[in-house]
């Protein structure tokens, strides 16, 4: 389970899909379904300033 620290109104979310390119430097994305019923996609490349971590996604225990 994950949360978005900048959008608590979305509620808890769960990762429903992970996509990783086999090409070096290729796209890495995750798709999360939040309690508000919306599926949202985020960049999952930790080296990118657009990474889901930088966007505010955090694991929730």
N, C-alpha and C. Protein backbone atom coordinates (compact mmCIF):
# COMPACT_ATOMS: atom_id res chain seq x y z
N UNK A 1 0.84 -1.18 0.00
CA UNK A 1 0.00 0.00 0.00
C UNK A 1 0.89 1.24 0.00
N UNK A 2 0.40 2.28 -0.65
CA UNK A 2 1.13 3.54 -0.74
C UNK A 2 0.20 4.70 -0.43
N UNK A 3 0.80 5.84 -0.15
CA UNK A 3 0.05 7.08 0.03
C UNK A 3 0.74 8.16 -0.81
N UNK A 4 0.02 9.21 -1.11
CA UNK A 4 0.60 10.37 -1.76
C UNK A 4 0.57 11.49 -0.74
N UNK A 5 1.75 11.90 -0.28
CA UNK A 5 1.80 12.85 0.83
C UNK A 5 1.27 14.24 0.46
N UNK A 6 1.21 14.57 -0.81
CA UNK A 6 0.67 15.88 -1.22
C UNK A 6 -0.83 15.82 -1.53
N UNK A 7 -1.37 14.60 -1.63
CA UNK A 7 -2.80 14.43 -1.95
C UNK A 7 -3.43 13.39 -1.04
N UNK A 8 -3.52 13.66 0.26
CA UNK A 8 -4.11 12.68 1.17
C UNK A 8 -5.58 12.39 0.86
N UNK A 9 -6.24 13.30 0.15
CA UNK A 9 -7.65 13.09 -0.19
C UNK A 9 -7.85 11.93 -1.17
N UNK A 10 -6.77 11.49 -1.84
CA UNK A 10 -6.86 10.34 -2.73
C UNK A 10 -7.00 9.04 -1.95
N UNK A 11 -6.60 9.03 -0.69
CA UNK A 11 -6.65 7.82 0.12
C UNK A 11 -5.48 6.89 -0.17
N UNK A 12 -5.54 5.72 0.42
CA UNK A 12 -4.50 4.71 0.21
C UNK A 12 -4.55 4.21 -1.23
N UNK A 13 -3.41 3.75 -1.71
CA UNK A 13 -3.36 3.22 -3.07
C UNK A 13 -2.59 1.91 -3.09
N UNK A 14 -2.79 1.17 -4.17
CA UNK A 14 -2.01 -0.06 -4.35
C UNK A 14 -1.47 -0.06 -5.77
N UNK A 15 -0.24 -0.54 -5.90
CA UNK A 15 0.39 -0.62 -7.21
C UNK A 15 -0.28 -1.76 -7.97
N UNK A 16 -0.81 -1.44 -9.14
CA UNK A 16 -1.51 -2.46 -9.93
C UNK A 16 -0.73 -2.85 -11.18
N UNK A 17 0.28 -2.05 -11.54
CA UNK A 17 1.07 -2.39 -12.71
C UNK A 17 2.43 -1.72 -12.61
N UNK A 18 3.45 -2.42 -13.09
CA UNK A 18 4.80 -1.88 -13.17
C UNK A 18 5.32 -2.15 -14.57
N UNK A 19 5.87 -1.12 -15.21
CA UNK A 19 6.37 -1.25 -16.58
C UNK A 19 7.83 -0.78 -16.59
N UNK A 20 8.72 -1.60 -17.12
CA UNK A 20 10.13 -1.25 -17.20
C UNK A 20 10.64 -1.59 -18.59
N UNK A 21 11.31 -0.63 -19.20
CA UNK A 21 11.91 -0.82 -20.52
C UNK A 21 13.14 -1.71 -20.40
N UNK A 22 13.39 -2.51 -21.43
CA UNK A 22 14.61 -3.32 -21.44
C UNK A 22 15.77 -2.54 -22.05
N UNK A 23 15.48 -1.36 -22.61
CA UNK A 23 16.52 -0.51 -23.19
C UNK A 23 17.15 0.37 -22.12
N UNK A 24 18.46 0.54 -22.13
CA UNK A 24 19.11 1.42 -21.17
C UNK A 24 18.54 2.84 -21.29
N UNK A 25 18.17 3.40 -20.16
CA UNK A 25 17.60 4.75 -20.15
C UNK A 25 16.15 4.80 -20.56
N UNK A 26 15.54 3.63 -20.73
CA UNK A 26 14.14 3.56 -21.15
C UNK A 26 13.17 3.91 -20.04
N UNK A 27 11.92 3.91 -20.36
CA UNK A 27 10.85 4.32 -19.47
C UNK A 27 10.61 3.30 -18.35
N UNK A 28 10.37 3.81 -17.16
CA UNK A 28 10.01 2.99 -15.99
C UNK A 28 8.82 3.66 -15.33
N UNK A 29 7.69 2.96 -15.31
CA UNK A 29 6.44 3.55 -14.80
C UNK A 29 5.75 2.60 -13.83
N UNK A 30 4.96 3.17 -12.92
CA UNK A 30 4.05 2.37 -12.11
C UNK A 30 2.66 2.96 -12.23
N UNK A 31 1.67 2.11 -12.10
CA UNK A 31 0.27 2.55 -12.09
C UNK A 31 -0.29 2.20 -10.73
N UNK A 32 -0.93 3.19 -10.11
CA UNK A 32 -1.48 3.02 -8.76
C UNK A 32 -2.98 3.30 -8.79
N UNK A 33 -3.75 2.42 -8.15
CA UNK A 33 -5.18 2.65 -7.99
C UNK A 33 -5.40 3.14 -6.56
N UNK A 34 -5.96 4.34 -6.45
CA UNK A 34 -6.21 4.94 -5.14
C UNK A 34 -7.64 4.69 -4.68
N UNK A 35 -7.89 4.88 -3.39
CA UNK A 35 -9.21 4.63 -2.81
C UNK A 35 -10.30 5.50 -3.44
N UNK A 36 -9.91 6.65 -4.02
CA UNK A 36 -10.92 7.50 -4.66
C UNK A 36 -11.41 6.92 -5.99
N UNK A 37 -10.85 5.75 -6.36
CA UNK A 37 -11.29 5.05 -7.56
C UNK A 37 -10.53 5.42 -8.83
N UNK A 38 -9.56 6.29 -8.71
CA UNK A 38 -8.80 6.74 -9.87
C UNK A 38 -7.47 6.01 -9.98
N UNK A 39 -7.13 5.60 -11.20
CA UNK A 39 -5.83 4.99 -11.48
C UNK A 39 -4.92 6.10 -12.01
N UNK A 40 -3.73 6.18 -11.41
CA UNK A 40 -2.78 7.22 -11.80
C UNK A 40 -1.43 6.58 -12.11
N UNK A 41 -0.75 7.10 -13.13
CA UNK A 41 0.56 6.58 -13.52
C UNK A 41 1.65 7.56 -13.11
N UNK A 42 2.79 7.00 -12.65
CA UNK A 42 3.91 7.79 -12.18
C UNK A 42 5.21 7.23 -12.75
N UNK A 43 6.16 8.12 -12.97
CA UNK A 43 7.51 7.74 -13.37
C UNK A 43 8.14 6.99 -12.20
N UNK A 44 8.82 5.89 -12.45
CA UNK A 44 9.41 5.08 -11.38
C UNK A 44 10.94 5.03 -11.48
N UNK A 45 11.54 5.98 -12.18
CA UNK A 45 13.00 6.03 -12.32
C UNK A 45 13.55 6.92 -11.21
N UNK A 46 14.20 6.33 -10.21
CA UNK A 46 14.68 7.06 -9.04
C UNK A 46 15.72 8.11 -9.42
N UNK A 47 16.37 7.98 -10.58
CA UNK A 47 17.35 8.96 -11.03
C UNK A 47 16.71 10.19 -11.68
N UNK A 48 15.41 10.16 -11.88
CA UNK A 48 14.70 11.26 -12.54
C UNK A 48 14.10 12.19 -11.50
N UNK A 49 14.11 13.49 -11.78
CA UNK A 49 13.47 14.45 -10.88
C UNK A 49 11.95 14.32 -10.93
N UNK A 50 11.43 13.58 -11.90
CA UNK A 50 9.99 13.33 -12.01
C UNK A 50 9.57 12.00 -11.37
N UNK A 51 10.49 11.38 -10.66
CA UNK A 51 10.23 10.08 -10.03
C UNK A 51 9.04 10.15 -9.07
N UNK A 52 8.33 9.03 -8.92
CA UNK A 52 7.18 8.99 -8.03
C UNK A 52 7.56 9.35 -6.59
N UNK A 53 8.77 9.02 -6.18
CA UNK A 53 9.21 9.39 -4.84
C UNK A 53 9.29 10.91 -4.71
N UNK A 54 9.86 11.56 -5.70
CA UNK A 54 9.94 13.03 -5.69
C UNK A 54 8.54 13.65 -5.77
N UNK A 55 7.61 12.96 -6.41
CA UNK A 55 6.23 13.45 -6.53
C UNK A 55 5.46 13.33 -5.22
N UNK A 56 5.92 12.49 -4.30
CA UNK A 56 5.25 12.37 -3.02
C UNK A 56 4.71 11.00 -2.68
N UNK A 57 4.96 9.99 -3.52
CA UNK A 57 4.49 8.63 -3.24
C UNK A 57 5.37 8.02 -2.16
N UNK A 58 4.73 7.44 -1.14
CA UNK A 58 5.45 6.77 -0.06
C UNK A 58 4.76 5.46 0.28
N UNK A 59 5.55 4.46 0.66
CA UNK A 59 4.99 3.19 1.15
C UNK A 59 4.29 3.44 2.47
N UNK A 60 3.20 2.74 2.69
CA UNK A 60 2.47 2.84 3.95
C UNK A 60 2.40 1.45 4.55
N UNK A 61 2.84 1.33 5.78
CA UNK A 61 2.86 0.01 6.42
C UNK A 61 1.52 -0.37 6.98
